[in-house]
Amino acid sequence: MPLCVAVLYNLRREGGSPGDSGEAAPLEAEYDTQETVDALCAAVEASGHRVAPVEARQDCMEALRRLRPDLAFNIAEGLPGDAREAQAAVLCDMLGIPHTGSGVLSLALCLDKGMTKRVLRHEGVPTPAFAVVPPGARPDARGLRFPLFVKPLREGTSMGISPRSLVADEAELRAQAATIHRTYHEPALVEEFVGGREFTVGLLGNGAPRVLPITEINHGALPPGYPPVYTYQFKKEWDDDRFYLLPAPLAGGLRGRVETAAVAAFRALECLDVARVDVRLDAGGEPQVLEINPLPGMAPGLSDLPKQADAAGLGYDGLVRAILDAAIARLGL
């Protein structure tokens, strides 16, 4: 039976071009273009459902109350706030509207990289040693081994990540933490740098989630002297196939270990329906989970997850249908 599906999104508008470093990237860098919203709506309709796009602005609660959809397809990144990626899910819960994707707690936790890593470590999921530096505080690297990596605690899309994020000593650590504090007005996450191969792993479903073909970030294709860091500049400027190996060339045993780490993170954070997990190999070749995104980008032909769905033979419509079907089955709709 066809459902009425509200597509919840935040729209990226023109203006405010961020610098290449990403250190001044606006929140809208995470928002979706009209082309992505249109493609998602078309894919929902292709799945046999009625669709109603709803922009997740401050007045969207009334729009949802009037619409009373059977289900919300949530890709909304939220408005400014500590737990902004959970805002749309909170509204849905308040109105009794079921939604695709993870719940409020998981969305809030996964945005906070420090809390994410605390849960991962408690659940035995390998992740680099770390510290959180509140605004105005002096970084304390005791117990951590240089080189270290410094990034904002609550940002995505590689915002705040540049070649300067990789620090070799106390002076560079203090300078980069101060930059994060000054630019984003939030804590900085400091973690031991894991410099091996880097992967992003797309997951679909629940229980035993399906692992899509894995993407490797090919740092070997970077210009000479550029550090092996997946920066905002990397994502903006280097998007041809030589920078992304899909499917990643992984031997069976290593592939299994990467997949196991990604699924363990998905379960530890109690994610639902869909997520993307970022993993790097340590000096011993073992996977370390860097972070998890329960609201992965859905730009067709551009974002990692749709590219992985293409490689799996699903295509964009099949990806959207898989997320819908996972939510519908989980919710008993």
Protein backbone atom coordinates (compact mmCIF):
# COMPACT_ATOMS: atom_id res chain seq x y z
CA MET A 1 0.00 0.00 0.00
CA PRO A 2 1.48 3.38 -0.99
CA LEU A 3 2.52 5.63 1.89
CA CYS A 4 2.64 9.39 2.14
CA VAL A 5 6.37 10.08 2.65
CA ALA A 6 7.62 13.48 3.77
CA VAL A 7 11.21 14.13 2.68
CA LEU A 8 12.82 16.21 5.44
CA TYR A 9 15.85 18.20 4.32
CA ASN A 10 17.87 21.39 4.77
CA LEU A 11 18.52 23.31 1.57
CA ARG A 12 21.89 24.72 0.60
CA ARG A 13 21.52 28.21 -0.81
CA GLU A 14 23.88 30.42 -2.78
CA GLY A 15 26.48 32.63 -1.14
CA GLY A 16 29.20 32.40 1.48
CA SER A 17 31.82 30.38 -0.39
CA PRO A 18 34.09 28.75 2.21
CA GLY A 19 37.84 28.79 1.88
CA ASP A 20 39.73 25.80 0.55
CA SER A 21 40.96 24.89 4.01
CA GLY A 22 37.43 24.31 5.26
CA GLU A 23 38.28 26.19 8.44
CA ALA A 24 35.63 28.77 7.61
CA ALA A 25 33.12 26.45 5.98
CA PRO A 26 29.55 27.44 6.89
CA LEU A 27 27.00 25.00 8.32
CA GLU A 28 25.28 25.05 4.91
CA ALA A 29 28.23 23.10 3.50
CA GLU A 30 26.47 20.06 4.98
CA TYR A 31 23.06 20.95 3.50
CA ASP A 32 21.65 19.42 0.32
CA THR A 33 21.19 21.03 -3.06
CA GLN A 34 17.82 21.31 -4.75
CA GLU A 35 19.05 18.71 -7.26
CA THR A 36 19.58 16.18 -4.47
CA VAL A 37 16.17 16.90 -2.93
CA ASP A 38 14.51 16.50 -6.34
CA ALA A 39 16.35 13.23 -7.02
CA LEU A 40 15.39 11.84 -3.62
CA CYS A 41 11.74 12.79 -4.08
CA ALA A 42 11.71 11.18 -7.53
CA ALA A 43 13.24 7.99 -6.09
CA VAL A 44 10.60 7.84 -3.34
CA GLU A 45 7.89 8.14 -6.00
CA ALA A 46 9.61 5.45 -8.07
CA SER A 47 9.28 3.19 -5.01
CA GLY A 48 5.50 3.52 -5.32
CA HIS A 49 4.86 6.09 -2.58
CA ARG A 50 3.46 9.61 -2.55
CA VAL A 51 6.04 12.23 -1.64
CA ALA A 52 5.91 15.65 0.00
CA PRO A 53 9.14 17.65 0.43
CA VAL A 54 9.35 19.55 3.74
CA GLU A 55 12.29 21.86 4.46
CA ALA A 56 13.37 21.48 8.08
CA ARG A 57 13.15 25.15 9.00
CA GLN A 58 11.96 26.63 12.28
CA ASP A 59 8.34 26.58 11.05
CA CYS A 60 8.35 23.00 9.73
CA MET A 61 6.53 21.56 12.74
CA GLU A 62 3.28 23.13 11.61
CA ALA A 63 3.83 21.90 8.05
CA LEU A 64 4.32 18.34 9.33
CA ARG A 65 1.30 18.62 11.61
CA ARG A 66 -0.87 19.60 8.64
CA LEU A 67 0.57 16.98 6.31
CA ARG A 68 0.47 14.05 8.80
CA PRO A 69 2.66 11.79 6.62
CA ASP A 70 2.83 8.05 7.19
CA LEU A 71 6.64 8.23 7.19
CA ALA A 72 9.38 10.83 7.02
CA PHE A 73 12.52 10.21 4.97
CA ASN A 74 15.03 12.15 7.06
CA ILE A 75 18.16 13.70 5.55
CA ALA A 76 17.93 16.98 7.55
CA GLU A 77 21.24 18.16 9.01
CA GLY A 78 19.52 20.59 11.38
CA LEU A 79 19.83 24.23 12.40
CA PRO A 80 22.65 25.50 14.65
CA GLY A 81 22.89 23.68 17.98
CA ASP A 82 24.95 21.07 19.82
CA ALA A 83 22.77 18.16 18.69
CA ARG A 84 21.45 19.69 15.47
CA GLU A 85 21.37 16.43 13.48
CA ALA A 86 18.77 15.09 15.93
CA GLN A 87 16.36 18.02 15.55
CA ALA A 88 14.22 16.60 12.74
CA ALA A 89 13.93 13.25 14.52
CA VAL A 90 12.83 15.05 17.71
CA LEU A 91 10.07 16.85 15.79
CA CYS A 92 8.92 13.58 14.24
CA ASP A 93 8.83 11.90 17.64
CA MET A 94 6.87 14.80 19.15
CA LEU A 95 4.29 14.53 16.35
CA GLY A 96 4.16 10.73 16.33
CA ILE A 97 5.58 10.50 12.80
CA PRO A 98 7.87 7.51 12.18
CA HIS A 99 11.03 8.25 10.21
CA THR A 100 13.81 6.55 8.35
CA GLY A 101 17.26 6.32 9.88
CA SER A 102 18.60 6.44 13.38
CA GLY A 103 16.77 7.71 16.45
CA VAL A 104 17.28 10.90 18.41
CA LEU A 105 19.91 9.56 20.81
CA SER A 106 22.05 7.97 18.11
CA LEU A 107 21.91 11.06 15.90
CA ALA A 108 22.96 13.29 18.80
CA LEU A 109 25.73 10.93 19.91
CA CYS A 110 27.21 10.43 16.46
CA LEU A 111 27.49 14.19 15.86
CA ASP A 112 29.62 14.49 19.00
CA LYS A 113 32.85 12.72 18.05
CA GLY A 114 34.06 12.52 21.64
CA MET A 115 30.90 10.82 22.90
CA THR A 116 30.96 8.53 19.86
CA LYS A 117 34.47 7.40 20.71
CA ARG A 118 33.61 6.89 24.38
CA VAL A 119 30.80 4.54 23.38
CA LEU A 120 33.00 2.75 20.85
CA ARG A 121 35.75 2.20 23.40
CA HIS A 122 33.25 0.96 26.00
CA GLU A 123 31.87 -1.52 23.47
CA GLY A 124 35.34 -2.72 22.47
CA VAL A 125 35.30 -1.20 18.98
CA PRO A 126 38.84 -0.11 18.02
CA THR A 127 39.24 3.67 17.75
CA PRO A 128 42.29 5.93 18.22
CA ALA A 129 43.15 7.30 21.68
CA PHE A 130 41.82 10.83 22.09
CA ALA A 131 41.13 13.86 24.25
CA VAL A 132 38.53 16.63 24.09
CA VAL A 133 39.72 20.22 24.56
CA PRO A 134 36.97 22.69 25.63
CA PRO A 135 37.10 26.25 24.27
CA GLY A 136 39.70 28.31 26.11
CA ALA A 137 41.41 25.27 27.62
CA ARG A 138 45.05 24.42 26.99
CA PRO A 139 45.48 21.09 25.18
CA ASP A 140 46.96 18.33 27.30
CA ALA A 141 48.68 15.68 25.19
CA ARG A 142 49.78 13.52 28.12
CA GLY A 143 49.04 9.90 27.35
CA LEU A 144 48.79 10.60 23.60
CA ARG A 145 51.52 9.95 21.03
CA PHE A 146 52.42 12.46 18.33
CA PRO A 147 51.62 12.99 15.54
CA LEU A 148 48.11 13.98 16.58
CA PHE A 149 45.06 14.98 14.58
CA VAL A 150 42.89 17.95 15.57
CA LYS A 151 39.35 18.62 14.35
CA PRO A 152 36.09 20.21 15.52
CA LEU A 153 34.09 18.04 17.90
CA ARG A 154 30.70 18.51 16.22
CA GLU A 155 31.17 19.13 12.48
CA GLY A 156 30.88 17.03 9.35
CA THR A 157 31.82 17.26 5.65
CA SER A 158 35.48 17.58 6.77
CA MET A 159 34.81 21.11 8.00
CA GLY A 160 37.76 22.39 9.99
CA ILE A 161 40.08 19.74 8.54
CA SER A 162 43.11 20.99 6.61
CA PRO A 163 46.78 20.03 6.29
CA ARG A 164 47.31 21.94 9.55
CA SER A 165 45.05 19.44 11.35
CA LEU A 166 47.98 17.02 11.47
CA VAL A 167 50.24 18.31 14.26
CA ALA A 168 53.74 17.16 15.18
CA ASP A 169 54.37 18.87 18.51
CA GLU A 170 52.86 20.81 21.40
CA ALA A 171 53.15 24.19 19.69
CA GLU A 172 51.27 23.04 16.59
CA LEU A 173 48.68 21.35 18.80
CA ARG A 174 48.00 24.54 20.75
CA ALA A 175 47.75 26.60 17.57
CA GLN A 176 45.34 24.25 15.83
CA ALA A 177 43.11 23.77 18.88
CA ALA A 178 42.92 27.56 19.22
CA THR A 179 41.91 27.80 15.54
CA ILE A 180 39.07 25.31 16.08
CA HIS A 181 37.90 27.18 19.19
CA ARG A 182 38.02 30.56 17.48
CA THR A 183 36.37 29.43 14.24
CA TYR A 184 33.68 27.04 15.46
CA HIS A 185 33.12 28.08 19.11
CA GLU A 186 33.12 24.46 20.18
CA PRO A 187 35.56 21.92 21.65
CA ALA A 188 38.35 20.40 19.63
CA LEU A 189 38.86 16.66 19.34
CA VAL A 190 42.49 15.57 19.54
CA GLU A 191 43.30 11.97 18.61
CA GLU A 192 46.34 9.92 17.76
CA PHE A 193 46.85 10.03 14.00
CA VAL A 194 46.27 6.73 12.25
CA GLY A 195 48.18 6.95 8.98
CA GLY A 196 47.37 3.73 7.15
CA ARG A 197 44.94 3.16 4.30
CA GLU A 198 41.59 4.94 4.67
CA PHE A 199 38.15 3.57 3.84
CA THR A 200 34.52 4.58 4.05
CA VAL A 201 31.96 1.81 4.50
CA GLY A 202 28.27 2.14 3.61
CA LEU A 203 25.74 0.06 5.56
CA LEU A 204 22.07 -0.64 4.80
CA GLY A 205 19.40 -2.35 6.87
CA ASN A 206 19.11 -3.62 10.43
CA GLY A 207 20.07 -6.71 12.40
CA ALA A 208 22.80 -7.86 10.03
CA PRO A 209 23.18 -4.72 7.88
CA ARG A 210 24.26 -5.10 4.28
CA VAL A 211 27.80 -3.84 3.62
CA LEU A 212 28.04 -2.00 0.30
CA PRO A 213 31.22 -2.06 -1.80
CA ILE A 214 33.89 -0.25 0.22
CA THR A 215 35.51 2.97 -0.98
CA GLU A 216 39.22 3.62 -0.39
CA ILE A 217 40.42 7.23 -0.16
CA ASN A 218 43.51 7.12 -2.38
CA HIS A 219 46.00 9.39 -0.63
CA GLY A 220 48.67 8.15 -3.03
CA ALA A 221 47.13 10.28 -5.80
CA LEU A 222 47.53 13.54 -3.86
CA PRO A 223 49.98 16.23 -5.01
CA PRO A 224 53.57 15.79 -3.75
CA GLY A 225 53.98 17.04 -0.20
CA TYR A 226 50.25 17.02 0.61
CA PRO A 227 49.67 15.08 3.85
CA PRO A 228 47.57 11.89 3.79
CA VAL A 229 44.53 13.65 5.25
CA TYR A 230 40.94 13.66 3.93
CA THR A 231 40.51 17.43 4.08
CA TYR A 232 37.73 19.78 3.05
CA GLN A 233 39.92 20.79 0.09
CA PHE A 234 40.28 17.12 -0.89
CA LYS A 235 36.50 16.71 -1.00
CA LYS A 236 36.00 19.97 -2.94
CA GLU A 237 38.73 19.71 -5.55
CA TRP A 238 39.79 16.11 -6.07
CA ASP A 239 36.76 14.11 -7.08
CA ASP A 240 37.82 12.08 -10.10
CA ASP A 241 38.12 8.32 -9.96
CA ARG A 242 41.86 8.13 -9.29
CA PHE A 243 41.30 9.64 -5.81
CA TYR A 244 38.61 7.09 -4.87
CA LEU A 245 39.06 3.37 -5.38
CA LEU A 246 35.66 1.67 -5.62
CA PRO A 247 35.53 -1.14 -4.85
CA ALA A 248 38.59 -0.87 -2.64
CA PRO A 249 41.33 -3.41 -3.47
CA LEU A 250 41.08 -5.44 -0.28
CA ALA A 251 42.21 -9.00 0.31
CA GLY A 252 39.54 -11.20 1.84
CA GLY A 253 40.88 -11.25 5.38
CA LEU A 254 41.42 -7.50 5.56
CA ARG A 255 38.06 -6.82 3.93
CA GLY A 256 36.40 -8.94 6.59
CA ARG A 257 38.14 -7.05 9.40
CA VAL A 258 37.15 -3.65 7.96
CA GLU A 259 33.56 -4.79 7.54
CA THR A 260 33.48 -6.24 11.06
CA ALA A 261 34.73 -2.98 12.57
CA ALA A 262 32.16 -0.94 10.62
CA VAL A 263 29.24 -3.18 11.59
CA ALA A 264 30.40 -3.19 15.23
CA ALA A 265 30.35 0.62 15.24
CA PHE A 266 26.89 0.66 13.63
CA ARG A 267 25.57 -1.63 16.36
CA ALA A 268 27.39 0.07 19.24
CA LEU A 269 25.80 3.43 18.36
CA GLU A 270 22.43 1.71 17.72
CA CYS A 271 22.15 3.10 14.21
CA LEU A 272 19.17 2.17 12.06
CA ASP A 273 18.50 1.63 8.35
CA VAL A 274 21.59 3.38 6.95
CA ALA A 275 24.96 4.80 7.96
CA ARG A 276 28.49 5.32 6.70
CA VAL A 277 31.55 4.44 8.80
CA ASP A 278 35.05 5.92 8.30
CA VAL A 279 37.94 3.55 9.02
CA ARG A 280 41.75 3.75 8.80
CA LEU A 281 44.38 1.07 9.27
CA ASP A 282 46.90 1.48 12.07
CA ALA A 283 50.62 0.71 11.89
CA GLY A 284 49.85 -2.98 12.37
CA GLY A 285 47.33 -3.01 9.53
CA GLU A 286 44.32 -3.29 11.87
CA PRO A 287 41.13 -1.23 11.31
CA GLN A 288 40.45 1.72 13.60
CA VAL A 289 37.03 3.43 13.46
CA LEU A 290 37.38 7.20 13.12
CA GLU A 291 33.71 8.21 13.14
CA ILE A 292 30.25 7.23 11.92
CA ASN A 293 27.72 9.25 9.96
CA PRO A 294 24.08 8.16 10.44
CA LEU A 295 22.96 10.86 7.94
CA PRO A 296 25.27 10.10 5.01
CA GLY A 297 25.20 12.33 1.95
CA MET A 298 22.63 11.39 -0.69
CA ALA A 299 23.77 13.48 -3.67
CA PRO A 300 23.44 11.17 -6.69
CA GLY A 301 26.73 10.52 -8.46
CA LEU A 302 28.63 12.62 -5.91
CA SER A 303 28.20 11.35 -2.34
CA ASP A 304 29.96 8.17 -1.22
CA LEU A 305 26.83 6.18 -0.41
CA PRO A 306 25.11 6.62 -3.82
CA LYS A 307 28.39 5.76 -5.56
CA GLN A 308 28.65 2.60 -3.47
CA ALA A 309 25.04 1.74 -4.27
CA ASP A 310 25.86 2.12 -7.97
CA ALA A 311 28.84 -0.22 -7.55
CA ALA A 312 26.54 -2.74 -5.84
CA GLY A 313 24.12 -2.63 -8.78
CA LEU A 314 21.38 -0.94 -6.76
CA GLY A 315 21.44 2.44 -8.45
CA TYR A 316 20.06 5.55 -6.80
CA ASP A 317 16.42 4.45 -6.86
CA GLY A 318 17.42 1.08 -5.40
CA LEU A 319 19.36 2.78 -2.60
CA VAL A 320 16.38 4.92 -1.62
CA ARG A 321 14.06 1.93 -1.86
CA ALA A 322 16.37 -0.12 0.37
CA ILE A 323 16.35 2.58 3.07
CA LEU A 324 12.57 2.91 2.83
CA ASP A 325 12.05 -0.85 2.95
CA ALA A 326 14.35 -1.21 5.98
CA ALA A 327 12.42 1.47 7.86
CA ILE A 328 9.00 0.14 6.81
CA ALA A 329 9.89 -3.38 7.95
CA ARG A 330 11.40 -2.15 11.23
CA LEU A 331 8.37 0.03 11.99
CA GLY A 332 5.77 -2.50 10.86
CA LEU A 333 4.12 -0.04 8.49
